Amino acid sequence: MTAQYANGDHWHNHCKCVWVPTWQDAPAPESETMIRFAEASDGARQYLLAARRAHPDWASFSPRKFLRKHPEFSLSNKNLTRVMREQYGFAH
């Protein structure tokens, strides 16, 4: 998130997040939760790409027409989150 979305001293209402400045030579500290989230996000992306290619309609349509007909295979936040919940047990 960028500073333009900041609300006072916090990013979100009723949240305890804090500012953590980072620089290219000194990245933010790693977190077990963030590592798990990144791995699940990458896995969900690969799952959607593989499911898209395995679908019988994939070869007969252009990618654009295929995704119009089957929006559940697009790489959107909604679909990535859905797969992360189903495959990796993430909760809202």
N, C-alpha and C. Protein backbone atom coordinates (compact mmCIF):
# COMPACT_ATOMS: atom_id res chain seq x y z
N MET A 1 0.83 -1.19 0.00
CA MET A 1 0.00 0.00 0.00
C MET A 1 0.86 1.24 0.00
N THR A 2 0.35 2.24 -0.58
CA THR A 2 1.09 3.49 -0.62
C THR A 2 0.54 4.45 0.43
N ALA A 3 1.29 5.49 0.67
CA ALA A 3 0.91 6.46 1.70
C ALA A 3 -0.40 7.17 1.37
N GLN A 4 -0.76 7.22 0.09
CA GLN A 4 -1.99 7.92 -0.27
C GLN A 4 -3.24 7.22 0.26
N TYR A 5 -3.12 5.94 0.61
CA TYR A 5 -4.25 5.20 1.15
C TYR A 5 -4.24 5.15 2.68
N ALA A 6 -3.24 5.73 3.28
CA ALA A 6 -3.14 5.68 4.74
C ALA A 6 -4.26 6.49 5.38
N ASN A 7 -4.74 5.99 6.50
CA ASN A 7 -5.80 6.66 7.25
C ASN A 7 -5.22 7.01 8.62
N GLY A 8 -4.71 8.21 8.76
CA GLY A 8 -4.06 8.58 10.01
C GLY A 8 -2.76 7.82 10.17
N ASP A 9 -2.58 7.17 11.33
CA ASP A 9 -1.37 6.40 11.59
C ASP A 9 -1.51 4.94 11.19
N HIS A 10 -2.67 4.54 10.75
CA HIS A 10 -2.92 3.14 10.42
C HIS A 10 -3.38 3.00 8.98
N TRP A 11 -3.12 1.84 8.39
CA TRP A 11 -3.56 1.57 7.02
C TRP A 11 -5.06 1.27 6.99
N HIS A 12 -5.55 0.57 7.99
CA HIS A 12 -6.95 0.14 8.01
C HIS A 12 -7.60 0.60 9.31
N ASN A 13 -8.89 0.80 9.27
CA ASN A 13 -9.62 1.11 10.50
C ASN A 13 -9.62 -0.13 11.38
N HIS A 14 -9.49 0.05 12.67
CA HIS A 14 -9.52 -1.04 13.66
C HIS A 14 -8.43 -2.08 13.40
N CYS A 15 -7.29 -1.65 12.93
CA CYS A 15 -6.17 -2.56 12.64
C CYS A 15 -4.95 -2.10 13.44
N LYS A 16 -4.10 -3.01 13.78
CA LYS A 16 -2.91 -2.67 14.55
C LYS A 16 -1.64 -2.68 13.68
N CYS A 17 -1.81 -2.50 12.38
CA CYS A 17 -0.64 -2.48 11.51
C CYS A 17 0.16 -1.19 11.75
N VAL A 18 1.43 -1.25 11.46
CA VAL A 18 2.33 -0.13 11.71
C VAL A 18 3.18 0.13 10.47
N TRP A 19 3.81 1.28 10.43
CA TRP A 19 4.71 1.61 9.34
C TRP A 19 5.98 0.77 9.45
N VAL A 20 6.41 0.18 8.35
CA VAL A 20 7.68 -0.54 8.31
C VAL A 20 8.39 -0.10 7.04
N PRO A 21 9.29 0.87 7.16
CA PRO A 21 9.99 1.33 5.95
C PRO A 21 10.94 0.26 5.44
N THR A 22 11.04 0.17 4.13
CA THR A 22 11.96 -0.80 3.52
C THR A 22 12.78 -0.10 2.44
N TRP A 23 13.93 -0.61 2.21
CA TRP A 23 14.80 -0.15 1.15
C TRP A 23 15.31 -1.38 0.43
N GLN A 24 15.77 -1.19 -0.76
CA GLN A 24 16.23 -2.32 -1.57
C GLN A 24 17.35 -3.09 -0.87
N ASP A 25 18.25 -2.40 -0.18
CA ASP A 25 19.36 -3.07 0.49
C ASP A 25 18.99 -3.63 1.86
N ALA A 26 17.86 -3.20 2.40
CA ALA A 26 17.43 -3.68 3.72
C ALA A 26 15.92 -3.96 3.66
N PRO A 27 15.53 -5.12 3.13
CA PRO A 27 14.10 -5.42 2.99
C PRO A 27 13.42 -5.59 4.34
N ALA A 28 12.09 -5.60 4.30
CA ALA A 28 11.30 -5.80 5.52
C ALA A 28 11.58 -7.18 6.09
N PRO A 29 11.45 -7.33 7.39
CA PRO A 29 11.68 -8.64 8.00
C PRO A 29 10.66 -9.66 7.49
N GLU A 30 11.13 -10.89 7.32
CA GLU A 30 10.24 -11.93 6.82
C GLU A 30 9.34 -12.43 7.95
N SER A 31 8.17 -12.81 7.58
CA SER A 31 7.19 -13.30 8.52
C SER A 31 6.73 -14.68 8.07
N GLU A 32 6.54 -15.59 8.99
CA GLU A 32 6.07 -16.93 8.66
C GLU A 32 4.72 -16.87 7.94
N THR A 33 3.86 -15.97 8.39
CA THR A 33 2.54 -15.81 7.77
C THR A 33 2.67 -15.33 6.34
N MET A 34 3.52 -14.34 6.11
CA MET A 34 3.68 -13.80 4.76
C MET A 34 4.33 -14.81 3.83
N ILE A 35 5.26 -15.60 4.34
CA ILE A 35 5.88 -16.65 3.52
C ILE A 35 4.83 -17.68 3.13
N ARG A 36 4.00 -18.09 4.09
CA ARG A 36 2.93 -19.06 3.82
C ARG A 36 1.93 -18.49 2.82
N PHE A 37 1.58 -17.22 2.96
CA PHE A 37 0.65 -16.57 2.05
C PHE A 37 1.23 -16.51 0.64
N ALA A 38 2.51 -16.14 0.52
CA ALA A 38 3.15 -16.05 -0.79
C ALA A 38 3.20 -17.42 -1.47
N GLU A 39 3.53 -18.46 -0.71
CA GLU A 39 3.57 -19.80 -1.28
C GLU A 39 2.18 -20.25 -1.73
N ALA A 40 1.16 -19.97 -0.92
CA ALA A 40 -0.21 -20.34 -1.27
C ALA A 40 -0.69 -19.55 -2.48
N SER A 41 -0.32 -18.28 -2.57
CA SER A 41 -0.70 -17.46 -3.71
C SER A 41 -0.06 -17.97 -4.99
N ASP A 42 1.22 -18.31 -4.94
CA ASP A 42 1.90 -18.88 -6.10
C ASP A 42 1.28 -20.22 -6.49
N GLY A 43 0.96 -21.04 -5.50
CA GLY A 43 0.34 -22.33 -5.77
C GLY A 43 -1.04 -22.18 -6.40
N ALA A 44 -1.81 -21.22 -5.92
CA ALA A 44 -3.14 -20.97 -6.48
C ALA A 44 -3.04 -20.49 -7.92
N ARG A 45 -2.06 -19.65 -8.19
CA ARG A 45 -1.84 -19.17 -9.56
C ARG A 45 -1.50 -20.32 -10.49
N GLN A 46 -0.59 -21.19 -10.06
CA GLN A 46 -0.22 -22.35 -10.88
C GLN A 46 -1.40 -23.30 -11.06
N TYR A 47 -2.20 -23.46 -10.02
CA TYR A 47 -3.38 -24.33 -10.10
C TYR A 47 -4.36 -23.81 -11.15
N LEU A 48 -4.65 -22.49 -11.13
CA LEU A 48 -5.57 -21.92 -12.10
C LEU A 48 -5.04 -22.03 -13.53
N LEU A 49 -3.75 -21.80 -13.70
CA LEU A 49 -3.17 -21.92 -15.04
C LEU A 49 -3.25 -23.35 -15.56
N ALA A 50 -2.96 -24.32 -14.69
CA ALA A 50 -3.02 -25.73 -15.10
C ALA A 50 -4.46 -26.15 -15.37
N ALA A 51 -5.40 -25.70 -14.53
CA ALA A 51 -6.81 -26.05 -14.73
C ALA A 51 -7.34 -25.43 -16.02
N ARG A 52 -6.88 -24.25 -16.33
CA ARG A 52 -7.27 -23.58 -17.57
C ARG A 52 -6.82 -24.38 -18.78
N ARG A 53 -5.55 -24.79 -18.77
CA ARG A 53 -5.00 -25.56 -19.90
C ARG A 53 -5.62 -26.95 -20.02
N ALA A 54 -6.05 -27.52 -18.90
CA ALA A 54 -6.62 -28.87 -18.91
C ALA A 54 -8.09 -28.87 -19.33
N HIS A 55 -8.72 -27.72 -19.35
CA HIS A 55 -10.14 -27.65 -19.71
C HIS A 55 -10.32 -27.99 -21.19
N PRO A 56 -11.35 -28.76 -21.54
CA PRO A 56 -11.56 -29.15 -22.94
C PRO A 56 -11.77 -27.98 -23.90
N ASP A 57 -12.32 -26.86 -23.42
CA ASP A 57 -12.56 -25.70 -24.29
C ASP A 57 -11.31 -24.87 -24.56
N TRP A 58 -10.24 -25.09 -23.81
CA TRP A 58 -9.05 -24.24 -23.92
C TRP A 58 -8.48 -24.20 -25.34
N ALA A 59 -8.39 -25.34 -25.98
CA ALA A 59 -7.77 -25.41 -27.31
C ALA A 59 -8.67 -24.84 -28.40
N SER A 60 -9.97 -24.83 -28.20
CA SER A 60 -10.87 -24.40 -29.27
C SER A 60 -11.21 -22.91 -29.24
N PHE A 61 -10.82 -22.20 -28.19
CA PHE A 61 -11.09 -20.77 -28.08
C PHE A 61 -9.79 -20.00 -27.96
N SER A 62 -9.86 -18.72 -28.31
CA SER A 62 -8.73 -17.84 -28.00
C SER A 62 -8.75 -17.63 -26.49
N PRO A 63 -7.62 -17.29 -25.88
CA PRO A 63 -7.62 -17.06 -24.43
C PRO A 63 -8.67 -16.05 -23.98
N ARG A 64 -8.85 -15.00 -24.74
CA ARG A 64 -9.82 -13.97 -24.38
C ARG A 64 -11.25 -14.53 -24.38
N LYS A 65 -11.61 -15.26 -25.44
CA LYS A 65 -12.96 -15.84 -25.51
C LYS A 65 -13.16 -16.92 -24.45
N PHE A 66 -12.10 -17.68 -24.20
CA PHE A 66 -12.20 -18.72 -23.17
C PHE A 66 -12.50 -18.10 -21.81
N LEU A 67 -11.80 -17.03 -21.46
CA LEU A 67 -12.00 -16.40 -20.16
C LEU A 67 -13.35 -15.68 -20.06
N ARG A 68 -13.88 -15.23 -21.19
CA ARG A 68 -15.24 -14.67 -21.16
C ARG A 68 -16.26 -15.75 -20.86
N LYS A 69 -16.04 -16.93 -21.44
CA LYS A 69 -16.97 -18.04 -21.23
C LYS A 69 -16.77 -18.68 -19.86
N HIS A 70 -15.52 -18.74 -19.38
CA HIS A 70 -15.18 -19.39 -18.11
C HIS A 70 -14.42 -18.42 -17.20
N PRO A 71 -15.09 -17.43 -16.63
CA PRO A 71 -14.38 -16.44 -15.79
C PRO A 71 -13.79 -17.04 -14.52
N GLU A 72 -14.21 -18.23 -14.14
CA GLU A 72 -13.67 -18.87 -12.93
C GLU A 72 -12.21 -19.27 -13.09
N PHE A 73 -11.67 -19.18 -14.32
CA PHE A 73 -10.26 -19.52 -14.54
C PHE A 73 -9.37 -18.29 -14.70
N SER A 74 -9.93 -17.09 -14.60
CA SER A 74 -9.10 -15.89 -14.74
C SER A 74 -8.24 -15.72 -13.49
N LEU A 75 -7.13 -15.05 -13.65
CA LEU A 75 -6.20 -14.83 -12.54
C LEU A 75 -6.57 -13.55 -11.80
N SER A 76 -7.75 -13.53 -11.24
CA SER A 76 -8.22 -12.37 -10.49
C SER A 76 -8.01 -12.62 -8.99
N ASN A 77 -8.05 -11.56 -8.22
CA ASN A 77 -7.93 -11.70 -6.76
C ASN A 77 -9.03 -12.60 -6.22
N LYS A 78 -10.23 -12.47 -6.76
CA LYS A 78 -11.36 -13.28 -6.32
C LYS A 78 -11.08 -14.77 -6.52
N ASN A 79 -10.61 -15.14 -7.71
CA ASN A 79 -10.34 -16.55 -7.98
C ASN A 79 -9.12 -17.06 -7.23
N LEU A 80 -8.08 -16.25 -7.13
CA LEU A 80 -6.90 -16.66 -6.37
C LEU A 80 -7.27 -16.90 -4.90
N THR A 81 -8.07 -16.02 -4.34
CA THR A 81 -8.50 -16.18 -2.95
C THR A 81 -9.36 -17.42 -2.78
N ARG A 82 -10.25 -17.66 -3.74
CA ARG A 82 -11.10 -18.85 -3.68
C ARG A 82 -10.27 -20.11 -3.68
N VAL A 83 -9.27 -20.19 -4.55
CA VAL A 83 -8.41 -21.38 -4.62
C VAL A 83 -7.57 -21.49 -3.36
N MET A 84 -7.08 -20.38 -2.84
CA MET A 84 -6.29 -20.42 -1.61
C MET A 84 -7.13 -20.96 -0.45
N ARG A 85 -8.39 -20.59 -0.42
CA ARG A 85 -9.28 -21.11 0.63
C ARG A 85 -9.52 -22.60 0.45
N GLU A 86 -9.80 -23.01 -0.79
CA GLU A 86 -10.11 -24.42 -1.06
C GLU A 86 -8.88 -25.32 -0.90
N GLN A 87 -7.77 -24.91 -1.47
CA GLN A 87 -6.59 -25.77 -1.52
C GLN A 87 -5.70 -25.68 -0.28
N TYR A 88 -5.64 -24.50 0.33
CA TYR A 88 -4.68 -24.27 1.40
C TYR A 88 -5.32 -23.95 2.74
N GLY A 89 -6.64 -23.94 2.80
CA GLY A 89 -7.31 -23.74 4.07
C GLY A 89 -7.28 -22.32 4.63
N PHE A 90 -7.05 -21.35 3.78
CA PHE A 90 -7.07 -19.97 4.25
C PHE A 90 -8.50 -19.55 4.55
N ALA A 91 -8.66 -18.76 5.58
CA ALA A 91 -9.98 -18.25 5.95
C ALA A 91 -9.99 -16.75 5.77
N HIS A 92 -11.17 -16.19 5.61
CA HIS A 92 -11.30 -14.75 5.43
C HIS A 92 -10.97 -14.06 6.73
